[in-house]
Amino acid sequence: GKKTLLNFWASWCPPCKQEMAEWKVAAGRFAAAGLEVVVASVDEDKRKQPDAPFALLRPSEREVAAWNLWHRHLYERRQDVG
């Protein structure tokens, strides 16, 4: 019953950086609304991570491949997660 937002992030992604900066400012409002934000870092360099107060996941290549399948077929995007 908990609201969770899963965000895919990478240090080489300019929209990801902008989005994370905005979300960092809104973190208090997210928490007050009962929304948990979880960031899935798909950076190959494991030392890089977003500067944000959210839970961080480091998915394996297999997990990223599974999310790509889900994205392609559930949303009919026919492309991998950005």
Protein backbone atom coordinates (compact mmCIF):
# COMPACT_ATOMS: atom_id res chain seq x y z
CA GLY A 1 0.00 0.00 0.00
CA LYS A 2 3.00 2.32 -0.10
CA LYS A 3 3.43 4.71 -3.03
CA THR A 4 6.83 4.26 -4.64
CA LEU A 5 8.35 6.03 -7.60
CA LEU A 6 11.21 4.20 -9.34
CA ASN A 7 13.52 6.53 -11.24
CA PHE A 8 16.25 5.37 -13.60
CA TRP A 9 19.33 7.60 -13.37
CA ALA A 10 22.76 7.91 -14.95
CA SER A 11 25.48 10.52 -14.55
CA TRP A 12 25.88 10.83 -18.33
CA CYS A 13 22.19 11.74 -18.79
CA PRO A 14 21.57 15.54 -18.79
CA PRO A 15 17.77 15.20 -18.28
CA CYS A 16 18.46 12.85 -15.34
CA LYS A 17 20.70 15.43 -13.68
CA GLN A 18 18.13 18.21 -14.12
CA GLU A 19 15.31 16.02 -12.88
CA MET A 20 17.27 14.92 -9.81
CA ALA A 21 18.08 18.53 -8.91
CA GLU A 22 14.37 19.37 -9.05
CA TRP A 23 13.37 16.28 -7.09
CA LYS A 24 15.97 17.01 -4.43
CA VAL A 25 14.24 20.36 -3.81
CA ALA A 26 10.86 18.57 -3.65
CA ALA A 27 12.03 15.70 -1.40
CA GLY A 28 10.24 17.07 1.66
CA ARG A 29 6.96 17.37 -0.23
CA PHE A 30 7.34 13.83 -1.58
CA ALA A 31 7.87 12.48 1.94
CA ALA A 32 4.92 14.48 3.33
CA ALA A 33 2.71 12.98 0.61
CA GLY A 34 3.85 9.47 1.56
CA LEU A 35 5.77 8.95 -1.68
CA GLU A 36 9.00 6.98 -1.49
CA VAL A 37 11.45 7.73 -4.30
CA VAL A 38 13.91 5.01 -5.25
CA VAL A 39 16.71 5.78 -7.70
CA ALA A 40 18.02 2.94 -9.87
CA SER A 41 21.49 3.98 -11.00
CA VAL A 42 22.37 2.39 -14.32
CA ASP A 43 25.82 3.99 -14.44
CA GLU A 44 28.60 1.58 -15.32
CA ASP A 45 30.87 3.51 -12.95
CA LYS A 46 29.58 2.37 -9.56
CA ARG A 47 31.33 5.28 -7.83
CA LYS A 48 28.94 7.76 -9.43
CA GLN A 49 25.63 8.34 -7.72
CA PRO A 50 23.02 11.06 -7.59
CA ASP A 51 23.34 13.76 -4.96
CA ALA A 52 19.87 13.24 -3.53
CA PRO A 53 18.23 11.99 -0.33
CA PHE A 54 16.57 8.97 -1.93
CA ALA A 55 17.08 5.23 -1.63
CA LEU A 56 19.60 4.00 -4.20
CA LEU A 57 19.55 0.73 -6.14
CA ARG A 58 22.36 -0.61 -8.26
CA PRO A 59 20.59 -3.10 -10.53
CA SER A 60 22.51 -5.88 -12.22
CA GLU A 61 22.67 -6.09 -16.01
CA ARG A 62 20.10 -8.87 -15.82
CA GLU A 63 17.70 -6.69 -13.81
CA VAL A 64 18.11 -3.80 -16.27
CA ALA A 65 17.39 -6.22 -19.13
CA ALA A 66 14.21 -7.36 -17.36
CA TRP A 67 13.08 -3.73 -16.86
CA ASN A 68 13.76 -3.08 -20.55
CA LEU A 69 11.50 -6.00 -21.51
CA TRP A 70 8.80 -4.69 -19.19
CA HIS A 71 9.14 -1.17 -20.63
CA ARG A 72 9.07 -2.34 -24.23
CA HIS A 73 6.00 -4.52 -23.90
CA LEU A 74 3.89 -2.94 -21.18
CA TYR A 75 4.14 0.53 -22.62
CA GLU A 76 4.62 -0.56 -26.24
CA ARG A 77 7.62 1.76 -26.55
CA ARG A 78 9.68 -0.68 -28.60
CA GLN A 79 12.84 0.83 -27.17
CA ASP A 80 14.95 0.34 -24.08
CA VAL A 81 14.58 2.47 -20.97
CA GLY A 82 16.42 5.73 -21.61
